[in-house]
C-alpha atoms as a PDB file:
ATOM      1  CA  MET A   1     -27.578 -50.521  -4.757  1.00  0.00           C
ATOM      2  CA  SER A   2     -26.033 -53.865  -3.760  1.00  0.00           C
ATOM      3  CA  LEU A   3     -28.243 -56.707  -2.527  1.00  0.00           C
ATOM      4  CA  ALA A   4     -25.262 -58.180  -0.675  1.00  0.00           C
ATOM      5  CA  ARG A   5     -24.619 -57.307   2.939  1.00  0.00           C
ATOM      6  CA  ILE A   6     -22.334 -54.298   3.310  1.00  0.00           C
ATOM      7  CA  ALA A   7     -19.383 -54.287   5.706  1.00  0.00           C
ATOM      8  CA  LEU A   8     -16.683 -51.773   6.513  1.00  0.00           C
ATOM      9  CA  VAL A   9     -13.416 -53.105   7.942  1.00  0.00           C
ATOM     10  CA  THR A  10     -11.052 -50.374   9.079  1.00  0.00           C
ATOM     11  CA  GLY A  11      -7.296 -50.871   8.976  1.00  0.00           C
ATOM     12  CA  GLY A  12      -7.369 -53.660   6.413  1.00  0.00           C
ATOM     13  CA  SER A  13      -4.043 -53.357   4.590  1.00  0.00           C
ATOM     14  CA  ARG A  14      -2.650 -56.285   6.551  1.00  0.00           C
ATOM     15  CA  GLY A  15      -2.957 -58.160   9.812  1.00  0.00           C
ATOM     16  CA  ALA A  16      -6.275 -58.865  11.511  1.00  0.00           C
ATOM     17  CA  GLY A  17      -8.181 -56.405   9.335  1.00  0.00           C
ATOM     18  CA  ARG A  18      -6.984 -58.025   6.141  1.00  0.00           C
ATOM     19  CA  GLY A  19      -8.117 -61.452   7.308  1.00  0.00           C
ATOM     20  CA  ILE A  20     -11.441 -60.213   8.674  1.00  0.00           C
ATOM     21  CA  ALA A  21     -12.183 -58.532   5.344  1.00  0.00           C
ATOM     22  CA  ARG A  22     -11.386 -61.792   3.529  1.00  0.00           C
ATOM     23  CA  GLY A  23     -13.678 -63.632   5.927  1.00  0.00           C
ATOM     24  CA  PHE A  24     -16.601 -61.401   4.993  1.00  0.00           C
ATOM     25  CA  GLY A  25     -15.706 -61.973   1.359  1.00  0.00           C
ATOM     26  CA  GLU A  26     -16.092 -65.710   1.944  1.00  0.00           C
ATOM     27  CA  LEU A  27     -19.634 -64.972   3.126  1.00  0.00           C
ATOM     28  CA  GLY A  28     -20.473 -62.960   0.002  1.00  0.00           C
ATOM     29  CA  TYR A  29     -20.325 -59.492   1.562  1.00  0.00           C
ATOM     30  CA  THR A  30     -19.472 -56.279  -0.200  1.00  0.00           C
ATOM     31  CA  VAL A  31     -16.577 -55.036   1.914  1.00  0.00           C
ATOM     32  CA  TYR A  32     -15.158 -51.533   2.084  1.00  0.00           C
ATOM     33  CA  VAL A  33     -11.541 -51.939   3.177  1.00  0.00           C
ATOM     34  CA  THR A  34      -9.717 -48.923   4.550  1.00  0.00           C
ATOM     35  CA  GLY A  35      -6.071 -48.272   5.190  1.00  0.00           C
ATOM     36  CA  ARG A  36      -3.207 -45.991   4.292  1.00  0.00           C
ATOM     37  CA  THR A  37      -0.941 -48.354   2.383  1.00  0.00           C
ATOM     38  CA  ILE A  38      -0.841 -47.913  -1.379  1.00  0.00           C
ATOM     39  CA  THR A  39       2.596 -49.454  -1.801  1.00  0.00           C
ATOM     40  CA  PRO A  40       4.435 -51.500   0.851  1.00  0.00           C
ATOM     41  CA  GLY A  41       6.852 -49.530   2.961  1.00  0.00           C
ATOM     42  CA  ASP A  42       4.938 -47.716   5.688  1.00  0.00           C
ATOM     43  CA  ALA A  43       4.718 -50.732   7.999  1.00  0.00           C
ATOM     44  CA  ILE A  44       7.738 -52.487   9.466  1.00  0.00           C
ATOM     45  CA  GLY A  45       7.900 -55.919  11.071  1.00  0.00           C
ATOM     46  CA  TRP A  46       9.507 -56.668  14.437  1.00  0.00           C
ATOM     47  CA  ASP A  47      12.704 -57.662  12.635  1.00  0.00           C
ATOM     48  CA  GLY A  48      12.877 -54.389  10.703  1.00  0.00           C
ATOM     49  CA  SER A  49      11.654 -55.838   7.420  1.00  0.00           C
ATOM     50  CA  VAL A  50       9.028 -54.107   5.278  1.00  0.00           C
ATOM     51  CA  LEU A  51       5.646 -55.771   5.730  1.00  0.00           C
ATOM     52  CA  PRO A  52       3.635 -56.759   2.659  1.00  0.00           C
ATOM     53  CA  GLY A  53       0.033 -55.759   2.028  1.00  0.00           C
ATOM     54  CA  THR A  54      -1.930 -52.873   0.573  1.00  0.00           C
ATOM     55  CA  VAL A  55      -5.554 -51.789   0.664  1.00  0.00           C
ATOM     56  CA  MET A  56      -5.933 -52.727  -2.989  1.00  0.00           C
ATOM     57  CA  GLU A  57      -4.512 -56.206  -2.449  1.00  0.00           C
ATOM     58  CA  THR A  58      -6.905 -56.878   0.414  1.00  0.00           C
ATOM     59  CA  ALA A  59      -9.887 -55.726  -1.644  1.00  0.00           C
ATOM     60  CA  ALA A  60      -8.817 -58.034  -4.465  1.00  0.00           C
ATOM     61  CA  GLU A  61      -8.608 -60.930  -1.996  1.00  0.00           C
ATOM     62  CA  VAL A  62     -12.143 -60.159  -0.786  1.00  0.00           C
ATOM     63  CA  SER A  63     -13.386 -60.403  -4.366  1.00  0.00           C
ATOM     64  CA  ALA A  64     -11.412 -63.592  -4.987  1.00  0.00           C
ATOM     65  CA  ALA A  65     -12.990 -65.119  -1.870  1.00  0.00           C
ATOM     66  CA  GLY A  66     -16.503 -64.600  -3.258  1.00  0.00           C
ATOM     67  CA  GLY A  67     -17.470 -61.105  -2.160  1.00  0.00           C
ATOM     68  CA  LYS A  68     -16.795 -57.670  -3.570  1.00  0.00           C
ATOM     69  CA  GLY A  69     -13.870 -55.721  -2.199  1.00  0.00           C
ATOM     70  CA  ILE A  70     -13.784 -51.928  -2.402  1.00  0.00           C
ATOM     71  CA  PRO A  71     -10.482 -50.296  -1.377  1.00  0.00           C
ATOM     72  CA  VAL A  72     -10.544 -46.847   0.221  1.00  0.00           C
ATOM     73  CA  ILE A  73      -7.415 -44.966   1.202  1.00  0.00           C
ATOM     74  CA  CYS A  74      -8.275 -43.456   4.573  1.00  0.00           C
ATOM     75  CA  ASP A  75      -6.270 -42.233   7.540  1.00  0.00           C
ATOM     76  CA  HIS A  76      -8.519 -42.887  10.528  1.00  0.00           C
ATOM     77  CA  GLY A  77      -6.652 -40.242  12.469  1.00  0.00           C
ATOM     78  CA  ASP A  78      -8.197 -37.649  10.137  1.00  0.00           C
ATOM     79  CA  ASP A  79     -11.877 -37.010  10.953  1.00  0.00           C
ATOM     80  CA  ALA A  80     -12.529 -35.362   7.597  1.00  0.00           C
ATOM     81  CA  GLN A  81     -11.349 -38.435   5.721  1.00  0.00           C
ATOM     82  CA  VAL A  82     -13.538 -40.644   7.882  1.00  0.00           C
ATOM     83  CA  ALA A  83     -16.588 -38.445   7.261  1.00  0.00           C
ATOM     84  CA  ALA A  84     -15.937 -38.627   3.515  1.00  0.00           C
ATOM     85  CA  LEU A  85     -15.701 -42.421   3.751  1.00  0.00           C
ATOM     86  CA  PHE A  86     -19.126 -42.778   5.344  1.00  0.00           C
ATOM     87  CA  ALA A  87     -20.640 -40.268   2.937  1.00  0.00           C
ATOM     88  CA  ARG A  88     -19.358 -42.415   0.088  1.00  0.00           C
ATOM     89  CA  ILE A  89     -20.839 -45.589   1.571  1.00  0.00           C
ATOM     90  CA  LYS A  90     -24.183 -43.870   2.026  1.00  0.00           C
ATOM     91  CA  GLN A  91     -24.163 -42.582  -1.546  1.00  0.00           C
ATOM     92  CA  GLU A  92     -23.054 -45.858  -3.133  1.00  0.00           C
ATOM     93  CA  GLN A  93     -24.922 -48.375  -0.956  1.00  0.00           C
ATOM     94  CA  GLY A  94     -27.569 -46.506   1.006  1.00  0.00           C
ATOM     95  CA  ARG A  95     -26.762 -48.555   4.085  1.00  0.00           C
ATOM     96  CA  LEU A  96     -24.112 -50.231   6.201  1.00  0.00           C
ATOM     97  CA  ASP A  97     -24.736 -53.599   7.834  1.00  0.00           C
ATOM     98  CA  VAL A  98     -21.489 -54.179   9.724  1.00  0.00           C
ATOM     99  CA  LEU A  99     -18.698 -51.941  10.979  1.00  0.00           C
ATOM    100  CA  VAL A 100     -15.559 -53.627  12.276  1.00  0.00           C
ATOM    101  CA  ASN A 101     -13.354 -51.200  14.177  1.00  0.00           C
ATOM    102  CA  ASN A 102      -9.917 -52.662  13.612  1.00  0.00           C
ATOM    103  CA  ALA A 103      -7.715 -49.685  12.699  1.00  0.00           C
ATOM    104  CA  THR A 104      -5.002 -49.120  15.263  1.00  0.00           C
ATOM    105  CA  TYR A 105      -1.422 -47.960  15.690  1.00  0.00           C
ATOM    106  CA  ILE A 106       1.318 -50.521  16.207  1.00  0.00           C
ATOM    107  CA  HIS A 107       4.471 -49.055  17.715  1.00  0.00           C
ATOM    108  CA  GLN A 108       7.794 -50.712  16.869  1.00  0.00           C
ATOM    109  CA  GLN A 109       8.566 -51.191  20.580  1.00  0.00           C
ATOM    110  CA  LEU A 110       5.278 -52.910  21.374  1.00  0.00           C
ATOM    111  CA  LEU A 111       6.837 -56.303  22.160  1.00  0.00           C
ATOM    112  CA  GLU A 112       9.894 -54.974  23.995  1.00  0.00           C
ATOM    113  CA  LYS A 113      10.037 -56.018  27.651  1.00  0.00           C
ATOM    114  CA  LYS A 114      10.542 -52.502  28.994  1.00  0.00           C
ATOM    115  CA  PRO A 115       8.473 -50.333  31.362  1.00  0.00           C
ATOM    116  CA  PHE A 116       6.359 -47.769  29.582  1.00  0.00           C
ATOM    117  CA  TRP A 117       8.578 -44.804  30.460  1.00  0.00           C
ATOM    118  CA  GLU A 118      11.547 -46.459  28.755  1.00  0.00           C
ATOM    119  CA  LYS A 119       9.636 -46.748  25.505  1.00  0.00           C
ATOM    120  CA  GLU A 120       9.105 -43.808  23.174  1.00  0.00           C
ATOM    121  CA  LEU A 121       6.211 -41.516  24.078  1.00  0.00           C
ATOM    122  CA  ASP A 122       4.963 -42.013  20.515  1.00  0.00           C
ATOM    123  CA  ALA A 123       3.507 -45.355  21.663  1.00  0.00           C
ATOM    124  CA  VAL A 124       0.576 -43.371  23.073  1.00  0.00           C
ATOM    125  CA  ARG A 125      -0.711 -42.866  19.517  1.00  0.00           C
ATOM    126  CA  ILE A 126      -2.654 -46.113  19.931  1.00  0.00           C
ATOM    127  CA  LEU A 127      -5.123 -44.024  21.948  1.00  0.00           C
ATOM    128  CA  ASP A 128      -5.702 -41.807  18.901  1.00  0.00           C
ATOM    129  CA  VAL A 129      -5.718 -44.448  16.182  1.00  0.00           C
ATOM    130  CA  GLY A 130      -7.360 -47.372  17.899  1.00  0.00           C
ATOM    131  CA  LEU A 131      -9.514 -45.746  20.562  1.00  0.00           C
ATOM    132  CA  ARG A 132     -10.577 -42.297  19.406  1.00  0.00           C
ATOM    133  CA  SER A 133     -10.877 -43.371  15.778  1.00  0.00           C
ATOM    134  CA  ALA A 134     -13.173 -46.256  16.777  1.00  0.00           C
ATOM    135  CA  TYR A 135     -15.508 -43.784  18.484  1.00  0.00           C
ATOM    136  CA  VAL A 136     -15.574 -41.540  15.410  1.00  0.00           C
ATOM    137  CA  ALA A 137     -16.290 -44.419  13.019  1.00  0.00           C
ATOM    138  CA  SER A 138     -19.015 -45.782  15.320  1.00  0.00           C
ATOM    139  CA  TRP A 139     -20.645 -42.339  15.494  1.00  0.00           C
ATOM    140  CA  HIS A 140     -20.902 -42.231  11.710  1.00  0.00           C
ATOM    141  CA  ALA A 141     -22.015 -45.860  11.464  1.00  0.00           C
ATOM    142  CA  ALA A 142     -24.837 -45.372  13.964  1.00  0.00           C
ATOM    143  CA  LYS A 143     -26.207 -42.544  11.847  1.00  0.00           C
ATOM    144  CA  LEU A 144     -26.466 -44.954   8.901  1.00  0.00           C
ATOM    145  CA  MET A 145     -27.706 -47.964  10.852  1.00  0.00           C
ATOM    146  CA  VAL A 146     -30.247 -46.602  13.328  1.00  0.00           C
ATOM    147  CA  PRO A 147     -32.681 -45.201  10.714  1.00  0.00           C
ATOM    148  CA  ARG A 148     -32.758 -48.654   9.084  1.00  0.00           C
ATOM    149  CA  ARG A 149     -33.106 -50.362  12.493  1.00  0.00           C
ATOM    150  CA  SER A 150     -30.390 -52.916  11.786  1.00  0.00           C
ATOM    151  CA  GLY A 151     -26.643 -53.269  11.953  1.00  0.00           C
ATOM    152  CA  VAL A 152     -23.634 -54.390  13.978  1.00  0.00           C
ATOM    153  CA  ILE A 153     -20.884 -52.204  15.396  1.00  0.00           C
ATOM    154  CA  ALA A 154     -18.021 -54.528  16.312  1.00  0.00           C
ATOM    155  CA  PHE A 155     -14.700 -53.893  18.011  1.00  0.00           C
ATOM    156  CA  GLY A 156     -11.640 -56.092  17.575  1.00  0.00           C
ATOM    157  CA  SER A 157     -10.257 -56.476  21.077  1.00  0.00           C
ATOM    158  CA  SER A 158      -8.073 -58.866  23.062  1.00  0.00           C
ATOM    159  CA  PHE A 159      -7.270 -60.286  26.492  1.00  0.00           C
ATOM    160  CA  GLY A 160      -4.981 -57.273  26.880  1.00  0.00           C
ATOM    161  CA  ALA A 161      -8.071 -55.466  28.161  1.00  0.00           C
ATOM    162  CA  SER A 162      -7.845 -57.627  31.290  1.00  0.00           C
ATOM    163  CA  CYS A 163      -4.275 -58.850  31.754  1.00  0.00           C
ATOM    164  CA  TYR A 164      -0.986 -57.011  31.282  1.00  0.00           C
ATOM    165  CA  MET A 165      -0.218 -57.240  27.582  1.00  0.00           C
ATOM    166  CA  HIS A 166       2.302 -55.082  25.702  1.00  0.00           C
ATOM    167  CA  GLY A 167       2.095 -52.256  28.242  1.00  0.00           C
ATOM    168  CA  PRO A 168      -0.488 -49.788  29.593  1.00  0.00           C
ATOM    169  CA  ALA A 169      -1.226 -47.926  26.346  1.00  0.00           C
ATOM    170  CA  TYR A 170      -2.172 -51.140  24.552  1.00  0.00           C
ATOM    171  CA  GLY A 171      -4.219 -52.344  27.516  1.00  0.00           C
ATOM    172  CA  ALA A 172      -6.064 -49.046  27.903  1.00  0.00           C
ATOM    173  CA  GLN A 173      -6.978 -49.045  24.222  1.00  0.00           C
ATOM    174  CA  LYS A 174      -8.449 -52.549  24.426  1.00  0.00           C
ATOM    175  CA  ALA A 175     -10.284 -51.849  27.682  1.00  0.00           C
ATOM    176  CA  GLY A 176     -11.614 -48.633  26.161  1.00  0.00           C
ATOM    177  CA  ILE A 177     -13.156 -50.253  23.118  1.00  0.00           C
ATOM    178  CA  ASP A 178     -14.733 -52.922  25.322  1.00  0.00           C
ATOM    179  CA  LYS A 179     -16.396 -50.085  27.241  1.00  0.00           C
ATOM    180  CA  PHE A 180     -17.499 -48.511  23.954  1.00  0.00           C
ATOM    181  CA  ALA A 181     -19.442 -51.680  23.156  1.00  0.00           C
ATOM    182  CA  HIS A 182     -20.928 -51.749  26.668  1.00  0.00           C
ATOM    183  CA  ASP A 183     -22.084 -48.131  26.681  1.00  0.00           C
ATOM    184  CA  MET A 184     -23.086 -47.896  23.029  1.00  0.00           C
ATOM    185  CA  GLU A 185     -25.443 -50.825  23.619  1.00  0.00           C
ATOM    186  CA  HIS A 186     -27.254 -48.731  26.203  1.00  0.00           C
ATOM    187  CA  ASP A 187     -27.820 -45.932  23.702  1.00  0.00           C
ATOM    188  CA  LEU A 188     -28.618 -48.331  20.833  1.00  0.00           C
ATOM    189  CA  ARG A 189     -31.049 -50.473  22.807  1.00  0.00           C
ATOM    190  CA  GLY A 190     -34.331 -50.911  20.963  1.00  0.00           C
ATOM    191  CA  THR A 191     -32.979 -49.566  17.650  1.00  0.00           C
ATOM    192  CA  GLY A 192     -32.153 -52.932  16.087  1.00  0.00           C
ATOM    193  CA  VAL A 193     -28.455 -52.045  16.059  1.00  0.00           C
ATOM    194  CA  ILE A 194     -26.120 -54.009  18.319  1.00  0.00           C
ATOM    195  CA  ALA A 195     -22.585 -53.384  19.586  1.00  0.00           C
ATOM    196  CA  VAL A 196     -20.125 -56.113  20.573  1.00  0.00           C
ATOM    197  CA  SER A 197     -16.445 -56.371  21.384  1.00  0.00           C
ATOM    198  CA  ILE A 198     -14.615 -59.564  20.423  1.00  0.00           C
ATOM    199  CA  TRP A 199     -11.561 -60.843  22.247  1.00  0.00           C
ATOM    200  CA  MET A 200      -9.570 -62.567  19.537  1.00  0.00           C
ATOM    201  CA  GLY A 201      -6.980 -65.159  20.429  1.00  0.00           C
ATOM    202  CA  PRO A 202      -3.462 -65.177  18.976  1.00  0.00           C
ATOM    203  CA  LEU A 203      -3.790 -64.576  15.234  1.00  0.00           C
ATOM    204  CA  VAL A 204      -1.884 -65.764  12.197  1.00  0.00           C
ATOM    205  CA  THR A 205      -0.752 -62.453  10.682  1.00  0.00           C
ATOM    206  CA  GLU A 206       2.334 -61.052   8.999  1.00  0.00           C
ATOM    207  CA  ARG A 207       3.593 -59.514  12.240  1.00  0.00           C
ATOM    208  CA  SER A 208       2.884 -62.563  14.397  1.00  0.00           C
ATOM    209  CA  LEU A 209       4.783 -64.857  12.059  1.00  0.00           C
ATOM    210  CA  ILE A 210       7.785 -62.541  12.357  1.00  0.00           C
ATOM    211  CA  ALA A 211       7.317 -62.397  16.136  1.00  0.00           C
ATOM    212  CA  ARG A 212       7.532 -66.189  16.261  1.00  0.00           C
ATOM    213  CA  GLU A 213      10.925 -65.977  14.587  1.00  0.00           C
ATOM    214  CA  THR A 214      12.289 -63.042  16.600  1.00  0.00           C
ATOM    215  CA  ASN A 215      10.899 -64.241  19.970  1.00  0.00           C
ATOM    216  CA  PRO A 216      10.889 -68.057  19.622  1.00  0.00           C
ATOM    217  CA  GLU A 217      10.530 -68.845  23.331  1.00  0.00           C
ATOM    218  CA  GLN A 218       7.631 -66.437  23.860  1.00  0.00           C
ATOM    219  CA  TYR A 219       5.771 -67.694  20.793  1.00  0.00           C
ATOM    220  CA  LYS A 220       6.662 -71.376  21.042  1.00  0.00           C
ATOM    221  CA  GLY A 221       3.800 -73.515  19.728  1.00  0.00           C
ATOM    222  CA  PHE A 222       2.057 -70.406  18.425  1.00  0.00           C
ATOM    223  CA  LEU A 223       0.784 -71.741  15.097  1.00  0.00           C
ATOM    224  CA  GLU A 224      -0.772 -74.857  16.599  1.00  0.00           C
ATOM    225  CA  THR A 225      -3.589 -72.909  18.274  1.00  0.00           C
ATOM    226  CA  ALA A 226      -3.538 -69.473  16.583  1.00  0.00           C
ATOM    227  CA  GLU A 227      -6.753 -68.279  14.985  1.00  0.00           C
ATOM    228  CA  ASN A 228      -7.094 -67.364  11.342  1.00  0.00           C
ATOM    229  CA  PRO A 229      -8.408 -63.774  11.329  1.00  0.00           C
ATOM    230  CA  GLU A 230     -11.158 -64.775   8.878  1.00  0.00           C
ATOM    231  CA  PHE A 231     -12.671 -66.630  11.850  1.00  0.00           C
ATOM    232  CA  THR A 232     -13.624 -63.332  13.499  1.00  0.00           C
ATOM    233  CA  ALA A 233     -15.663 -62.241  10.463  1.00  0.00           C
ATOM    234  CA  HIS A 234     -17.642 -65.469  10.620  1.00  0.00           C
ATOM    235  CA  ILE A 235     -18.214 -64.935  14.344  1.00  0.00           C
ATOM    236  CA  ILE A 236     -19.527 -61.383  13.833  1.00  0.00           C
ATOM    237  CA  ASP A 237     -21.835 -62.572  11.051  1.00  0.00           C
ATOM    238  CA  GLY A 238     -23.054 -65.394  13.306  1.00  0.00           C
ATOM    239  CA  ILE A 239     -23.762 -62.980  16.173  1.00  0.00           C
ATOM    240  CA  ASP A 240     -25.822 -60.761  13.881  1.00  0.00           C
ATOM    241  CA  ARG A 241     -27.922 -63.748  12.773  1.00  0.00           C
ATOM    242  CA  ALA A 242     -28.279 -65.245  16.261  1.00  0.00           C
ATOM    243  CA  PRO A 243     -31.747 -65.286  17.836  1.00  0.00           C
ATOM    244  CA  ASP A 244     -30.265 -63.812  21.036  1.00  0.00           C
ATOM    245  CA  ARG A 245     -28.342 -61.031  19.268  1.00  0.00           C
ATOM    246  CA  GLU A 246     -29.937 -58.398  21.508  1.00  0.00           C
ATOM    247  CA  ASP A 247     -28.696 -60.225  24.611  1.00  0.00           C
ATOM    248  CA  LEU A 248     -25.199 -60.457  23.149  1.00  0.00           C
ATOM    249  CA  SER A 249     -25.163 -56.728  22.463  1.00  0.00           C
ATOM    250  CA  GLY A 250     -23.059 -54.723  24.887  1.00  0.00           C
ATOM    251  CA  GLN A 251     -20.977 -57.712  25.844  1.00  0.00           C
ATOM    252  CA  THR A 252     -17.285 -58.336  25.510  1.00  0.00           C
ATOM    253  CA  LEU A 253     -17.145 -61.832  24.070  1.00  0.00           C
ATOM    254  CA  ILE A 254     -14.297 -64.304  23.818  1.00  0.00           C
ATOM    255  CA  GLY A 255     -14.399 -65.184  20.134  1.00  0.00           C
ATOM    256  CA  ALA A 256     -13.556 -68.861  20.572  1.00  0.00           C
ATOM    257  CA  GLU A 257     -16.316 -69.293  23.163  1.00  0.00           C
ATOM    258  CA  VAL A 258     -19.107 -67.555  21.279  1.00  0.00           C
ATOM    259  CA  ALA A 259     -18.072 -69.443  18.133  1.00  0.00           C
ATOM    260  CA  GLY A 260     -18.647 -72.712  19.960  1.00  0.00           C
ATOM    261  CA  ASN A 261     -22.080 -71.522  21.088  1.00  0.00           C
ATOM    262  CA  LEU A 262     -22.936 -70.569  17.513  1.00  0.00           C
ATOM    263  CA  GLY A 263     -21.669 -73.832  16.042  1.00  0.00           C
ATOM    264  CA  LEU A 264     -18.811 -72.144  14.180  1.00  0.00           C
ATOM    265  CA  SER A 265     -15.262 -73.383  13.703  1.00  0.00           C
ATOM    266  CA  ASP A 266     -12.008 -71.984  12.390  1.00  0.00           C
ATOM    267  CA  ARG A 267     -11.342 -73.989   9.225  1.00  0.00           C
ATOM    268  CA  GLY A 268     -12.786 -77.028  10.994  1.00  0.00           C
ATOM    269  CA  GLN A 269     -10.842 -76.416  14.227  1.00  0.00           C
ATOM    270  CA  ALA A 270     -12.169 -75.424  17.639  1.00  0.00           C
ATOM    271  CA  ARG A 271      -9.928 -72.763  19.183  1.00  0.00           C
ATOM    272  CA  PRO A 272      -9.006 -72.480  22.884  1.00  0.00           C
ATOM    273  CA  SER A 273     -10.578 -69.808  25.052  1.00  0.00           C
ATOM    274  CA  TYR A 274      -7.556 -68.719  27.168  1.00  0.00           C
ATOM    275  CA  ARG A 275      -9.997 -67.498  29.845  1.00  0.00           C
ATOM    276  CA  GLU A 276      -8.305 -69.386  32.665  1.00  0.00           C
ATOM    277  CA  MET A 277      -4.848 -68.235  31.593  1.00  0.00           C
ATOM    278  CA  LEU A 278      -5.469 -64.595  30.646  1.00  0.00           C
ATOM    279  CA  GLY A 279      -8.672 -63.500  32.372  1.00  0.00           C
ATOM    280  CA  SER A 280     -12.374 -62.934  31.844  1.00  0.00           C
ATOM    281  CA  PRO A 281     -14.293 -60.077  30.221  1.00  0.00           C
ATOM    282  CA  ARG A 282     -16.126 -57.612  32.425  1.00  0.00           C
ATOM    283  CA  GLN A 283     -19.801 -58.425  32.756  1.00  0.00           C
ATOM    284  CA  LYS A 284     -22.540 -56.044  31.649  1.00  0.00           C
ATOM    285  CA  ASN A 285     -23.562 -53.585  34.354  1.00  0.00           C
ATOM    286  CA  PRO A 286     -27.278 -52.667  34.332  1.00  0.00           C
ATOM    287  CA  ALA A 287     -26.778 -49.415  36.211  1.00  0.00           C
ATOM    288  CA  ALA A 288     -27.107 -46.180  34.227  1.00  0.00           C
ATOM    289  CA  VAL A 289     -26.256 -42.695  35.456  1.00  0.00           C
ATOM    290  CA  TYR A 290     -27.127 -39.556  33.450  1.00  0.00           C
END
């Protein structure tokens, strides 16, 4: 059994998940990294190019950063594969300290300025891999965490939960996982396990760098303020160690803001909140109806 903290980052072949996994590696975590990519080719950038990144490469980067990366090929749209993943973690580690629900579906028309009915219906898959899969993974994680009375279930979200961003399917997925954190906190209260949703700012990822080139006006000045995705891992770790972690549970938190409260920076840089421009998270509602 590992003495290091154990994290699971879903959807870690590339993008936000890849960086978040690396961030936990920087903190010395053992990180299970899931994804479907064994060889590049199943993910395409906005310009039609094949995106780099595999599950094995991400795991190797976690280890190089100071942690231990464990790659697991897993399709989070397949409940049986997800159940096998958590069974493996339980057998190998006996516990799980952090789950980061990051796996999602990125449709090739996501950035197109078209109404939803003029985009392919396939874009709705984000509600299966992104919303439903986050519920399934959280269900399994809670069964590992609650008996040990510790753990964090985190959701990677964005301002798209509040403002119009990339269309209604994307927005509904982000709003849905924010509500997961809110309602799961109610059920988890008093167990030592917390649930939070983090609104990340613009991120430096493979797709976003291509987007800057293909949509230069929309992404003008992007790199000057964009967050490194490793930043989110440090934020989640800081939340778990915070003395007010129970109060933070159930909240949708703007990553840049909570980082400032925790005394954390992104490679020495404070990142902007975007609250005034893009909107505010919904506040916790104390009402409960059974």
